[in-house]
Amino acid sequence: MSLFDETDAASPVPVRIDVRRGNPTDEELAAIVAVVTEAYAAEQAGAVAAPARRPSGWQLTRRALRTSIDRRGGWGGFRG
């Protein structure tokens, strides 16, 4: 496990850590980086898209809606 994305290992982006309080040791900083990196990797692995649902049998057999009737022509075309 590394701090950098494996796809762009040639030019890694440096990580910036701001300590707001206290004076952590190098081991403490390394521990928090390891914990956060592992949590990020676990979240990234779990963030997968849901598989596409297949249409049901009802959706496959439904018919298209009827188009509206053109009433401008009147009864002129009727020869009955």
N, C-alpha and C. Protein backbone atom coordinates (compact mmCIF):
# COMPACT_ATOMS: atom_id res chain seq x y z
N MET A 1 0.84 -1.16 0.00
CA MET A 1 0.00 0.00 0.00
C MET A 1 0.89 1.23 0.00
N SER A 2 0.57 2.19 -0.86
CA SER A 2 1.38 3.40 -0.91
C SER A 2 0.47 4.61 -0.80
N LEU A 3 1.08 5.75 -0.58
CA LEU A 3 0.32 6.99 -0.47
C LEU A 3 -0.10 7.52 -1.83
N PHE A 4 0.51 7.03 -2.86
CA PHE A 4 0.28 7.58 -4.19
C PHE A 4 -0.51 6.60 -5.04
N ASP A 5 -1.20 7.15 -6.00
CA ASP A 5 -1.96 6.33 -6.93
C ASP A 5 -0.99 5.51 -7.78
N GLU A 6 -1.25 4.21 -7.88
CA GLU A 6 -0.34 3.34 -8.62
C GLU A 6 -0.34 3.63 -10.11
N THR A 7 -1.39 4.25 -10.64
CA THR A 7 -1.46 4.52 -12.06
C THR A 7 -0.53 5.65 -12.48
N ASP A 8 -0.20 6.54 -11.55
CA ASP A 8 0.64 7.68 -11.88
C ASP A 8 1.86 7.71 -10.96
N ALA A 9 2.57 6.59 -10.88
CA ALA A 9 3.71 6.47 -9.98
C ALA A 9 4.90 7.30 -10.44
N ALA A 10 4.94 7.70 -11.70
CA ALA A 10 6.09 8.45 -12.20
C ALA A 10 6.12 9.87 -11.62
N SER A 11 4.97 10.47 -11.42
CA SER A 11 4.92 11.84 -10.89
C SER A 11 3.95 11.90 -9.71
N PRO A 12 4.36 11.42 -8.53
CA PRO A 12 3.46 11.44 -7.37
C PRO A 12 3.22 12.85 -6.86
N VAL A 13 2.04 13.07 -6.33
CA VAL A 13 1.68 14.35 -5.75
C VAL A 13 2.05 14.31 -4.28
N PRO A 14 2.80 15.29 -3.78
CA PRO A 14 3.19 15.26 -2.37
C PRO A 14 1.97 15.44 -1.46
N VAL A 15 2.03 14.80 -0.31
CA VAL A 15 0.94 14.88 0.66
C VAL A 15 1.29 15.95 1.68
N ARG A 16 0.33 16.80 1.99
CA ARG A 16 0.56 17.86 2.97
C ARG A 16 -0.23 17.54 4.22
N ILE A 17 0.44 17.56 5.35
CA ILE A 17 -0.20 17.30 6.63
C ILE A 17 0.02 18.52 7.52
N ASP A 18 -1.08 19.11 7.98
CA ASP A 18 -1.01 20.25 8.89
C ASP A 18 -1.33 19.77 10.30
N VAL A 19 -0.40 19.96 11.22
CA VAL A 19 -0.61 19.61 12.63
C VAL A 19 -1.11 20.86 13.33
N ARG A 20 -2.32 20.79 13.89
CA ARG A 20 -2.94 21.95 14.52
C ARG A 20 -2.54 22.10 15.99
N ARG A 21 -2.39 20.98 16.68
CA ARG A 21 -2.04 21.01 18.10
C ARG A 21 -1.02 19.93 18.41
N GLY A 22 -0.25 20.15 19.42
CA GLY A 22 0.68 19.14 19.88
C GLY A 22 1.94 19.08 19.03
N ASN A 23 2.74 18.10 19.33
CA ASN A 23 4.00 17.91 18.64
C ASN A 23 4.18 16.42 18.37
N PRO A 24 3.53 15.89 17.31
CA PRO A 24 3.61 14.45 17.06
C PRO A 24 4.99 14.03 16.58
N THR A 25 5.33 12.81 16.92
CA THR A 25 6.61 12.25 16.47
C THR A 25 6.46 11.75 15.04
N ASP A 26 7.57 11.41 14.44
CA ASP A 26 7.53 10.87 13.08
C ASP A 26 6.77 9.55 13.03
N GLU A 27 6.88 8.75 14.09
CA GLU A 27 6.15 7.47 14.14
C GLU A 27 4.65 7.70 14.23
N GLU A 28 4.23 8.71 14.99
CA GLU A 28 2.80 9.02 15.11
C GLU A 28 2.25 9.53 13.78
N LEU A 29 3.00 10.36 13.10
CA LEU A 29 2.57 10.83 11.78
C LEU A 29 2.49 9.67 10.78
N ALA A 30 3.47 8.78 10.83
CA ALA A 30 3.45 7.62 9.94
C ALA A 30 2.25 6.73 10.24
N ALA A 31 1.90 6.59 11.52
CA ALA A 31 0.75 5.76 11.90
C ALA A 31 -0.55 6.36 11.38
N ILE A 32 -0.73 7.66 11.53
CA ILE A 32 -1.98 8.27 11.07
C ILE A 32 -2.07 8.23 9.55
N VAL A 33 -0.95 8.40 8.87
CA VAL A 33 -0.96 8.30 7.40
C VAL A 33 -1.32 6.88 6.97
N ALA A 34 -0.80 5.89 7.68
CA ALA A 34 -1.12 4.49 7.34
C ALA A 34 -2.59 4.20 7.58
N VAL A 35 -3.15 4.69 8.69
CA VAL A 35 -4.57 4.45 9.00
C VAL A 35 -5.46 5.13 7.98
N VAL A 36 -5.17 6.38 7.66
CA VAL A 36 -6.00 7.11 6.70
C VAL A 36 -5.88 6.50 5.31
N THR A 37 -4.69 6.08 4.93
CA THR A 37 -4.50 5.45 3.62
C THR A 37 -5.28 4.14 3.53
N GLU A 38 -5.25 3.34 4.58
CA GLU A 38 -6.00 2.08 4.58
C GLU A 38 -7.50 2.33 4.53
N ALA A 39 -7.97 3.32 5.28
CA ALA A 39 -9.40 3.65 5.26
C ALA A 39 -9.83 4.13 3.88
N TYR A 40 -8.99 4.94 3.25
CA TYR A 40 -9.30 5.42 1.91
C TYR A 40 -9.34 4.27 0.90
N ALA A 41 -8.38 3.37 1.00
CA ALA A 41 -8.33 2.23 0.08
C ALA A 41 -9.55 1.33 0.27
N ALA A 42 -9.97 1.13 1.53
CA ALA A 42 -11.16 0.31 1.78
C ALA A 42 -12.41 0.98 1.23
N GLU A 43 -12.52 2.29 1.40
CA GLU A 43 -13.67 3.00 0.87
C GLU A 43 -13.69 2.97 -0.66
N GLN A 44 -12.52 3.12 -1.25
CA GLN A 44 -12.42 3.10 -2.71
C GLN A 44 -12.78 1.72 -3.26
N ALA A 45 -12.36 0.67 -2.57
CA ALA A 45 -12.67 -0.68 -3.03
C ALA A 45 -14.16 -0.98 -2.90
N GLY A 46 -14.81 -0.40 -1.91
CA GLY A 46 -16.23 -0.64 -1.72
C GLY A 46 -17.13 0.24 -2.57
N ALA A 47 -16.58 1.24 -3.19
CA ALA A 47 -17.37 2.18 -3.98
C ALA A 47 -17.46 1.70 -5.42
N VAL A 48 -18.27 0.70 -5.65
CA VAL A 48 -18.48 0.18 -7.00
C VAL A 48 -19.90 0.49 -7.42
N ALA A 49 -20.08 0.70 -8.69
CA ALA A 49 -21.41 0.99 -9.21
C ALA A 49 -22.28 -0.26 -9.15
N ALA A 50 -23.55 -0.05 -8.91
CA ALA A 50 -24.48 -1.17 -8.89
C ALA A 50 -24.59 -1.75 -10.30
N PRO A 51 -24.73 -3.06 -10.41
CA PRO A 51 -24.85 -3.65 -11.74
C PRO A 51 -26.14 -3.17 -12.42
N ALA A 52 -26.07 -3.05 -13.72
CA ALA A 52 -27.23 -2.61 -14.48
C ALA A 52 -28.33 -3.67 -14.39
N ARG A 53 -29.54 -3.22 -14.11
CA ARG A 53 -30.65 -4.15 -13.99
C ARG A 53 -31.19 -4.50 -15.37
N ARG A 54 -31.50 -5.77 -15.54
CA ARG A 54 -32.12 -6.19 -16.79
C ARG A 54 -33.58 -5.79 -16.76
N PRO A 55 -34.14 -5.42 -17.92
CA PRO A 55 -35.57 -5.10 -17.94
C PRO A 55 -36.40 -6.36 -17.67
N SER A 56 -37.50 -6.17 -16.97
CA SER A 56 -38.36 -7.30 -16.64
C SER A 56 -39.14 -7.74 -17.88
N GLY A 57 -39.81 -8.85 -17.77
CA GLY A 57 -40.63 -9.34 -18.87
C GLY A 57 -41.74 -8.37 -19.23
N TRP A 58 -42.29 -7.70 -18.22
CA TRP A 58 -43.35 -6.72 -18.48
C TRP A 58 -42.80 -5.55 -19.28
N GLN A 59 -41.61 -5.10 -18.98
CA GLN A 59 -41.04 -3.98 -19.70
C GLN A 59 -40.65 -4.37 -21.13
N LEU A 60 -40.24 -5.59 -21.35
CA LEU A 60 -39.84 -6.02 -22.68
C LEU A 60 -41.03 -6.15 -23.62
N THR A 61 -42.19 -6.51 -23.09
CA THR A 61 -43.35 -6.77 -23.95
C THR A 61 -44.30 -5.60 -24.05
N ARG A 62 -44.03 -4.50 -23.43
CA ARG A 62 -44.96 -3.37 -23.48
C ARG A 62 -44.98 -2.77 -24.88
N ARG A 63 -46.11 -2.27 -25.24
CA ARG A 63 -46.28 -1.68 -26.57
C ARG A 63 -46.04 -0.18 -26.51
N ALA A 64 -45.73 0.38 -27.65
CA ALA A 64 -45.54 1.83 -27.73
C ALA A 64 -46.90 2.52 -27.62
N LEU A 65 -46.89 3.75 -27.15
CA LEU A 65 -48.13 4.51 -27.05
C LEU A 65 -48.65 4.85 -28.44
N ARG A 66 -49.99 4.93 -28.54
CA ARG A 66 -50.59 5.30 -29.82
C ARG A 66 -50.32 6.77 -30.11
N THR A 67 -50.18 7.08 -31.38
CA THR A 67 -50.03 8.48 -31.76
C THR A 67 -51.40 9.11 -31.83
N SER A 68 -51.44 10.41 -31.73
CA SER A 68 -52.73 11.10 -31.75
C SER A 68 -53.31 11.08 -33.17
N ILE A 69 -54.61 11.21 -33.25
CA ILE A 69 -55.32 11.18 -34.53
C ILE A 69 -55.30 12.58 -35.13
N ASP A 70 -55.01 12.66 -36.41
CA ASP A 70 -55.02 13.94 -37.10
C ASP A 70 -56.45 14.23 -37.52
N ARG A 71 -57.10 15.16 -36.87
CA ARG A 71 -58.52 15.45 -37.12
C ARG A 71 -58.72 16.59 -38.12
N ARG A 72 -57.66 17.10 -38.69
CA ARG A 72 -57.81 18.21 -39.63
C ARG A 72 -58.48 17.77 -40.93
N GLY A 73 -58.33 16.53 -41.30
CA GLY A 73 -58.86 16.06 -42.57
C GLY A 73 -60.38 15.86 -42.57
N GLY A 74 -60.98 15.74 -41.41
CA GLY A 74 -62.42 15.52 -41.33
C GLY A 74 -62.78 14.14 -41.87
N TRP A 75 -64.01 14.06 -42.47
CA TRP A 75 -64.50 12.79 -43.00
C TRP A 75 -64.29 12.69 -44.50
N GLY A 76 -63.54 13.58 -45.06
CA GLY A 76 -63.38 13.62 -46.51
C GLY A 76 -62.79 12.35 -47.10
N GLY A 77 -61.95 11.66 -46.37
CA GLY A 77 -61.32 10.46 -46.90
C GLY A 77 -62.18 9.22 -46.71
N PHE A 78 -63.31 9.36 -46.05
CA PHE A 78 -64.16 8.20 -45.78
C PHE A 78 -65.10 7.96 -46.95
N ARG A 79 -65.05 6.77 -47.49
CA ARG A 79 -65.94 6.41 -48.61
C ARG A 79 -66.71 5.18 -48.21
N GLY A 80 -67.68 5.32 -47.40
CA GLY A 80 -68.33 4.14 -46.90
C GLY A 80 -69.72 4.06 -47.14
